[in-house]
Amino acid sequence: MPTGRGAGPPIDDPPGDGGPEEAASFIAESLAELVLLARRHKLDLLVRLLEMAQLEAEERVRLRSRRKLS
């Protein structure tokens, strides 16, 4: 039964996936852009929520980096 996504690998598991650290880093960078967009349009509640999500993603990157150093 066709899924409409083509014959390639599933979207949530792309080849060359860098794992959780790379995902968290990408998410943090994307959220930074969304924060700017929300701020520009004075969407204050969204700004706060996006900033919290950005902080969480950045913290995950920091924690994983620390584990790699030890």
PDB file of N, CA and C in Angstrom:
ATOM      1  N   MET A   1       0.842  -1.181   0.000  1.00  0.00           N
ATOM      2  CA  MET A   1       0.000   0.000   0.000  1.00  0.00           C
ATOM      3  C   MET A   1       0.887   1.243   0.000  1.00  0.00           C
ATOM      4  N   PRO A   2       0.768   2.125  -0.969  1.00  0.00           N
ATOM      5  CA  PRO A   2       1.620   3.316  -1.044  1.00  0.00           C
ATOM      6  C   PRO A   2       1.323   4.278   0.104  1.00  0.00           C
ATOM      7  N   THR A   3       2.383   4.910   0.583  1.00  0.00           N
ATOM      8  CA  THR A   3       2.233   5.870   1.675  1.00  0.00           C
ATOM      9  C   THR A   3       2.276   7.300   1.178  1.00  0.00           C
ATOM     10  N   GLY A   4       2.631   7.496  -0.092  1.00  0.00           N
ATOM     11  CA  GLY A   4       2.705   8.841  -0.626  1.00  0.00           C
ATOM     12  C   GLY A   4       4.035   9.517  -0.337  1.00  0.00           C
ATOM     13  N   ARG A   5       4.976   8.766   0.262  1.00  0.00           N
ATOM     14  CA  ARG A   5       6.268   9.352   0.610  1.00  0.00           C
ATOM     15  C   ARG A   5       7.379   8.893  -0.314  1.00  0.00           C
ATOM     16  N   GLY A   6       7.082   8.097  -1.299  1.00  0.00           N
ATOM     17  CA  GLY A   6       8.128   7.619  -2.197  1.00  0.00           C
ATOM     18  C   GLY A   6       8.695   6.300  -1.713  1.00  0.00           C
ATOM     19  N   ALA A   7       9.718   5.836  -2.430  1.00  0.00           N
ATOM     20  CA  ALA A   7      10.283   4.524  -2.131  1.00  0.00           C
ATOM     21  C   ALA A   7      11.526   4.605  -1.259  1.00  0.00           C
ATOM     22  N   GLY A   8      11.919   5.789  -0.839  1.00  0.00           N
ATOM     23  CA  GLY A   8      13.130   5.960  -0.042  1.00  0.00           C
ATOM     24  C   GLY A   8      12.937   5.559   1.409  1.00  0.00           C
ATOM     25  N   PRO A   9      13.975   5.798   2.217  1.00  0.00           N
ATOM     26  CA  PRO A   9      13.892   5.468   3.641  1.00  0.00           C
ATOM     27  C   PRO A   9      12.872   6.351   4.352  1.00  0.00           C
ATOM     28  N   PRO A  10      12.405   5.925   5.521  1.00  0.00           N
ATOM     29  CA  PRO A  10      11.445   6.749   6.259  1.00  0.00           C
ATOM     30  C   PRO A  10      12.014   8.135   6.570  1.00  0.00           C
ATOM     31  N   ILE A  11      11.169   9.132   6.595  1.00  0.00           N
ATOM     32  CA  ILE A  11      11.593  10.513   6.807  1.00  0.00           C
ATOM     33  C   ILE A  11      12.236  10.694   8.181  1.00  0.00           C
ATOM     34  N   ASP A  12      11.749   9.974   9.204  1.00  0.00           N
ATOM     35  CA  ASP A  12      12.270  10.171  10.552  1.00  0.00           C
ATOM     36  C   ASP A  12      13.590   9.450  10.794  1.00  0.00           C
ATOM     37  N   ASP A  13      14.118   8.736   9.808  1.00  0.00           N
ATOM     38  CA  ASP A  13      15.384   8.028   9.969  1.00  0.00           C
ATOM     39  C   ASP A  13      16.244   8.197   8.718  1.00  0.00           C
ATOM     40  N   PRO A  14      16.641   9.455   8.418  1.00  0.00           N
ATOM     41  CA  PRO A  14      17.394   9.692   7.184  1.00  0.00           C
ATOM     42  C   PRO A  14      18.807   9.119   7.262  1.00  0.00           C
ATOM     43  N   PRO A  15      19.373   8.765   6.118  1.00  0.00           N
ATOM     44  CA  PRO A  15      20.760   8.295   6.134  1.00  0.00           C
ATOM     45  C   PRO A  15      21.689   9.411   6.591  1.00  0.00           C
ATOM     46  N   GLY A  16      22.700   9.051   7.355  1.00  0.00           N
ATOM     47  CA  GLY A  16      23.653  10.041   7.825  1.00  0.00           C
ATOM     48  C   GLY A  16      23.157  10.832   9.023  1.00  0.00           C
ATOM     49  N   ASP A  17      22.112  10.347   9.691  1.00  0.00           N
ATOM     50  CA  ASP A  17      21.593  11.024  10.875  1.00  0.00           C
ATOM     51  C   ASP A  17      22.691  11.093  11.917  1.00  0.00           C
ATOM     52  N   GLY A  18      22.944  12.298  12.439  1.00  0.00           N
ATOM     53  CA  GLY A  18      24.040  12.506  13.379  1.00  0.00           C
ATOM     54  C   GLY A  18      23.719  12.136  14.805  1.00  0.00           C
ATOM     55  N   GLY A  19      22.550  11.634  15.063  1.00  0.00           N
ATOM     56  CA  GLY A  19      22.189  11.237  16.403  1.00  0.00           C
ATOM     57  C   GLY A  19      21.611  12.376  17.220  1.00  0.00           C
ATOM     58  N   PRO A  20      21.391  12.113  18.515  1.00  0.00           N
ATOM     59  CA  PRO A  20      20.709  13.085  19.370  1.00  0.00           C
ATOM     60  C   PRO A  20      21.439  14.416  19.531  1.00  0.00           C
ATOM     61  N   GLU A  21      22.760  14.401  19.578  1.00  0.00           N
ATOM     62  CA  GLU A  21      23.504  15.648  19.760  1.00  0.00           C
ATOM     63  C   GLU A  21      23.330  16.563  18.547  1.00  0.00           C
ATOM     64  N   GLU A  22      23.454  15.996  17.366  1.00  0.00           N
ATOM     65  CA  GLU A  22      23.278  16.797  16.159  1.00  0.00           C
ATOM     66  C   GLU A  22      21.834  17.284  16.032  1.00  0.00           C
ATOM     67  N   ALA A  23      20.890  16.434  16.400  1.00  0.00           N
ATOM     68  CA  ALA A  23      19.483  16.826  16.347  1.00  0.00           C
ATOM     69  C   ALA A  23      19.217  17.985  17.296  1.00  0.00           C
ATOM     70  N   ALA A  24      19.718  17.889  18.528  1.00  0.00           N
ATOM     71  CA  ALA A  24      19.512  18.954  19.511  1.00  0.00           C
ATOM     72  C   ALA A  24      20.155  20.252  19.043  1.00  0.00           C
ATOM     73  N   SER A  25      21.321  20.162  18.428  1.00  0.00           N
ATOM     74  CA  SER A  25      22.003  21.342  17.918  1.00  0.00           C
ATOM     75  C   SER A  25      21.195  21.990  16.791  1.00  0.00           C
ATOM     76  N   PHE A  26      20.710  21.185  15.883  1.00  0.00           N
ATOM     77  CA  PHE A  26      19.896  21.686  14.769  1.00  0.00           C
ATOM     78  C   PHE A  26      18.621  22.341  15.299  1.00  0.00           C
ATOM     79  N   ILE A  27      17.986  21.700  16.275  1.00  0.00           N
ATOM     80  CA  ILE A  27      16.755  22.230  16.857  1.00  0.00           C
ATOM     81  C   ILE A  27      17.024  23.574  17.528  1.00  0.00           C
ATOM     82  N   ALA A  28      18.117  23.670  18.287  1.00  0.00           N
ATOM     83  CA  ALA A  28      18.465  24.931  18.959  1.00  0.00           C
ATOM     84  C   ALA A  28      18.662  26.048  17.941  1.00  0.00           C
ATOM     85  N   GLU A  29      19.356  25.762  16.850  1.00  0.00           N
ATOM     86  CA  GLU A  29      19.585  26.774  15.814  1.00  0.00           C
ATOM     87  C   GLU A  29      18.277  27.184  15.144  1.00  0.00           C
ATOM     88  N   SER A  30      17.430  26.219  14.864  1.00  0.00           N
ATOM     89  CA  SER A  30      16.140  26.511  14.228  1.00  0.00           C
ATOM     90  C   SER A  30      15.262  27.343  15.147  1.00  0.00           C
ATOM     91  N   LEU A  31      15.278  26.998  16.424  1.00  0.00           N
ATOM     92  CA  LEU A  31      14.468  27.748  17.385  1.00  0.00           C
ATOM     93  C   LEU A  31      14.949  29.185  17.508  1.00  0.00           C
ATOM     94  N   ALA A  32      16.250  29.411  17.410  1.00  0.00           N
ATOM     95  CA  ALA A  32      16.774  30.778  17.477  1.00  0.00           C
ATOM     96  C   ALA A  32      16.154  31.630  16.368  1.00  0.00           C
ATOM     97  N   GLU A  33      16.022  31.066  15.181  1.00  0.00           N
ATOM     98  CA  GLU A  33      15.409  31.790  14.070  1.00  0.00           C
ATOM     99  C   GLU A  33      13.926  32.028  14.323  1.00  0.00           C
ATOM    100  N   LEU A  34      13.248  31.027  14.891  1.00  0.00           N
ATOM    101  CA  LEU A  34      11.827  31.170  15.178  1.00  0.00           C
ATOM    102  C   LEU A  34      11.583  32.209  16.272  1.00  0.00           C
ATOM    103  N   VAL A  35      12.487  32.268  17.253  1.00  0.00           N
ATOM    104  CA  VAL A  35      12.380  33.290  18.304  1.00  0.00           C
ATOM    105  C   VAL A  35      12.433  34.681  17.671  1.00  0.00           C
ATOM    106  N   LEU A  36      13.364  34.888  16.761  1.00  0.00           N
ATOM    107  CA  LEU A  36      13.469  36.189  16.102  1.00  0.00           C
ATOM    108  C   LEU A  36      12.199  36.532  15.326  1.00  0.00           C
ATOM    109  N   LEU A  37      11.654  35.553  14.638  1.00  0.00           N
ATOM    110  CA  LEU A  37      10.428  35.766  13.876  1.00  0.00           C
ATOM    111  C   LEU A  37       9.260  36.108  14.805  1.00  0.00           C
ATOM    112  N   ALA A  38       9.122  35.354  15.879  1.00  0.00           N
ATOM    113  CA  ALA A  38       8.041  35.606  16.831  1.00  0.00           C
ATOM    114  C   ALA A  38       8.210  36.975  17.487  1.00  0.00           C
ATOM    115  N   ARG A  39       9.451  37.330  17.812  1.00  0.00           N
ATOM    116  CA  ARG A  39       9.726  38.627  18.441  1.00  0.00           C
ATOM    117  C   ARG A  39       9.365  39.767  17.474  1.00  0.00           C
ATOM    118  N   ARG A  40       9.731  39.599  16.197  1.00  0.00           N
ATOM    119  CA  ARG A  40       9.456  40.632  15.185  1.00  0.00           C
ATOM    120  C   ARG A  40       7.958  40.911  15.080  1.00  0.00           C
ATOM    121  N   HIS A  41       7.154  39.857  15.286  1.00  0.00           N
ATOM    122  CA  HIS A  41       5.707  40.005  15.148  1.00  0.00           C
ATOM    123  C   HIS A  41       5.004  40.158  16.495  1.00  0.00           C
ATOM    124  N   LYS A  42       5.805  40.415  17.532  1.00  0.00           N
ATOM    125  CA  LYS A  42       5.280  40.676  18.875  1.00  0.00           C
ATOM    126  C   LYS A  42       4.383  39.554  19.394  1.00  0.00           C
ATOM    127  N   LEU A  43       4.816  38.326  19.163  1.00  0.00           N
ATOM    128  CA  LEU A  43       4.097  37.146  19.659  1.00  0.00           C
ATOM    129  C   LEU A  43       4.760  36.712  20.964  1.00  0.00           C
ATOM    130  N   ASP A  44       4.502  37.486  22.012  1.00  0.00           N
ATOM    131  CA  ASP A  44       5.245  37.366  23.263  1.00  0.00           C
ATOM    132  C   ASP A  44       5.192  35.976  23.897  1.00  0.00           C
ATOM    133  N   LEU A  45       4.023  35.367  23.948  1.00  0.00           N
ATOM    134  CA  LEU A  45       3.933  34.041  24.550  1.00  0.00           C
ATOM    135  C   LEU A  45       4.739  33.026  23.744  1.00  0.00           C
ATOM    136  N   LEU A  46       4.647  33.101  22.436  1.00  0.00           N
ATOM    137  CA  LEU A  46       5.440  32.203  21.591  1.00  0.00           C
ATOM    138  C   LEU A  46       6.934  32.438  21.784  1.00  0.00           C
ATOM    139  N   VAL A  47       7.328  33.688  21.930  1.00  0.00           N
ATOM    140  CA  VAL A  47       8.743  34.002  22.173  1.00  0.00           C
ATOM    141  C   VAL A  47       9.207  33.271  23.422  1.00  0.00           C
ATOM    142  N   ARG A  48       8.440  33.367  24.491  1.00  0.00           N
ATOM    143  CA  ARG A  48       8.838  32.721  25.749  1.00  0.00           C
ATOM    144  C   ARG A  48       8.903  31.209  25.611  1.00  0.00           C
ATOM    145  N   LEU A  49       7.907  30.625  24.976  1.00  0.00           N
ATOM    146  CA  LEU A  49       7.890  29.170  24.815  1.00  0.00           C
ATOM    147  C   LEU A  49       9.047  28.694  23.940  1.00  0.00           C
ATOM    148  N   LEU A  50       9.286  29.406  22.844  1.00  0.00           N
ATOM    149  CA  LEU A  50      10.377  29.038  21.950  1.00  0.00           C
ATOM    150  C   LEU A  50      11.733  29.202  22.630  1.00  0.00           C
ATOM    151  N   GLU A  51      11.884  30.263  23.427  1.00  0.00           N
ATOM    152  CA  GLU A  51      13.137  30.462  24.156  1.00  0.00           C
ATOM    153  C   GLU A  51      13.377  29.338  25.157  1.00  0.00           C
ATOM    154  N   MET A  52      12.313  28.887  25.820  1.00  0.00           N
ATOM    155  CA  MET A  52      12.467  27.779  26.767  1.00  0.00           C
ATOM    156  C   MET A  52      12.888  26.506  26.039  1.00  0.00           C
ATOM    157  N   ALA A  53      12.273  26.251  24.905  1.00  0.00           N
ATOM    158  CA  ALA A  53      12.645  25.070  24.119  1.00  0.00           C
ATOM    159  C   ALA A  53      14.087  25.182  23.622  1.00  0.00           C
ATOM    160  N   GLN A  54      14.487  26.380  23.222  1.00  0.00           N
ATOM    161  CA  GLN A  54      15.863  26.601  22.769  1.00  0.00           C
ATOM    162  C   GLN A  54      16.853  26.332  23.901  1.00  0.00           C
ATOM    163  N   LEU A  55      16.555  26.845  25.096  1.00  0.00           N
ATOM    164  CA  LEU A  55      17.429  26.608  26.254  1.00  0.00           C
ATOM    165  C   LEU A  55      17.546  25.118  26.550  1.00  0.00           C
ATOM    166  N   GLU A  56      16.445  24.404  26.457  1.00  0.00           N
ATOM    167  CA  GLU A  56      16.462  22.954  26.705  1.00  0.00           C
ATOM    168  C   GLU A  56      17.347  22.244  25.683  1.00  0.00           C
ATOM    169  N   ALA A  57      17.210  22.595  24.418  1.00  0.00           N
ATOM    170  CA  ALA A  57      18.025  21.965  23.374  1.00  0.00           C
ATOM    171  C   ALA A  57      19.505  22.285  23.581  1.00  0.00           C
ATOM    172  N   GLU A  58      19.812  23.535  23.900  1.00  0.00           N
ATOM    173  CA  GLU A  58      21.213  23.926  24.133  1.00  0.00           C
ATOM    174  C   GLU A  58      21.792  23.195  25.344  1.00  0.00           C
ATOM    175  N   GLU A  59      20.987  23.022  26.382  1.00  0.00           N
ATOM    176  CA  GLU A  59      21.449  22.305  27.578  1.00  0.00           C
ATOM    177  C   GLU A  59      21.763  20.843  27.249  1.00  0.00           C
ATOM    178  N   ARG A  60      20.937  20.228  26.433  1.00  0.00           N
ATOM    179  CA  ARG A  60      21.195  18.833  26.027  1.00  0.00           C
ATOM    180  C   ARG A  60      22.510  18.725  25.260  1.00  0.00           C
ATOM    181  N   VAL A  61      22.771  19.689  24.390  1.00  0.00           N
ATOM    182  CA  VAL A  61      24.031  19.695  23.642  1.00  0.00           C
ATOM    183  C   VAL A  61      25.205  19.837  24.615  1.00  0.00           C
ATOM    184  N   ARG A  62      25.098  20.761  25.578  1.00  0.00           N
ATOM    185  CA  ARG A  62      26.167  20.961  26.566  1.00  0.00           C
ATOM    186  C   ARG A  62      26.418  19.705  27.388  1.00  0.00           C
ATOM    187  N   LEU A  63      25.346  19.072  27.848  1.00  0.00           N
ATOM    188  CA  LEU A  63      25.496  17.868  28.678  1.00  0.00           C
ATOM    189  C   LEU A  63      26.158  16.735  27.895  1.00  0.00           C
ATOM    190  N   ARG A  64      25.767  16.555  26.656  1.00  0.00           N
ATOM    191  CA  ARG A  64      26.367  15.493  25.840  1.00  0.00           C
ATOM    192  C   ARG A  64      27.837  15.794  25.560  1.00  0.00           C
ATOM    193  N   SER A  65      28.160  17.075  25.341  1.00  0.00           N
ATOM    194  CA  SER A  65      29.550  17.456  25.088  1.00  0.00           C
ATOM    195  C   SER A  65      30.413  17.167  26.304  1.00  0.00           C
ATOM    196  N   ARG A  66      29.875  17.456  27.502  1.00  0.00           N
ATOM    197  CA  ARG A  66      30.616  17.197  28.736  1.00  0.00           C
ATOM    198  C   ARG A  66      30.879  15.706  28.927  1.00  0.00           C
ATOM    199  N   ARG A  67      29.885  14.881  28.616  1.00  0.00           N
ATOM    200  CA  ARG A  67      30.054  13.424  28.753  1.00  0.00           C
ATOM    201  C   ARG A  67      31.134  12.906  27.822  1.00  0.00           C
ATOM    202  N   LYS A  68      31.215  13.476  26.626  1.00  0.00           N
ATOM    203  CA  LYS A  68      32.231  13.036  25.671  1.00  0.00           C
ATOM    204  C   LYS A  68      33.648  13.385  26.161  1.00  0.00           C
ATOM    205  N   LEU A  69      33.777  14.482  26.891  1.00  0.00           N
ATOM    206  CA  LEU A  69      35.091  14.914  27.378  1.00  0.00           C
ATOM    207  C   LEU A  69      35.584  14.063  28.547  1.00  0.00           C
ATOM    208  N   SER A  70      34.655  13.451  29.297  1.00  0.00           N
ATOM    209  CA  SER A  70      35.098  12.681  30.454  1.00  0.00           C
ATOM    210  C   SER A  70      35.410  11.241  30.140  1.00  0.00           C
TER     211      SER A  70
END
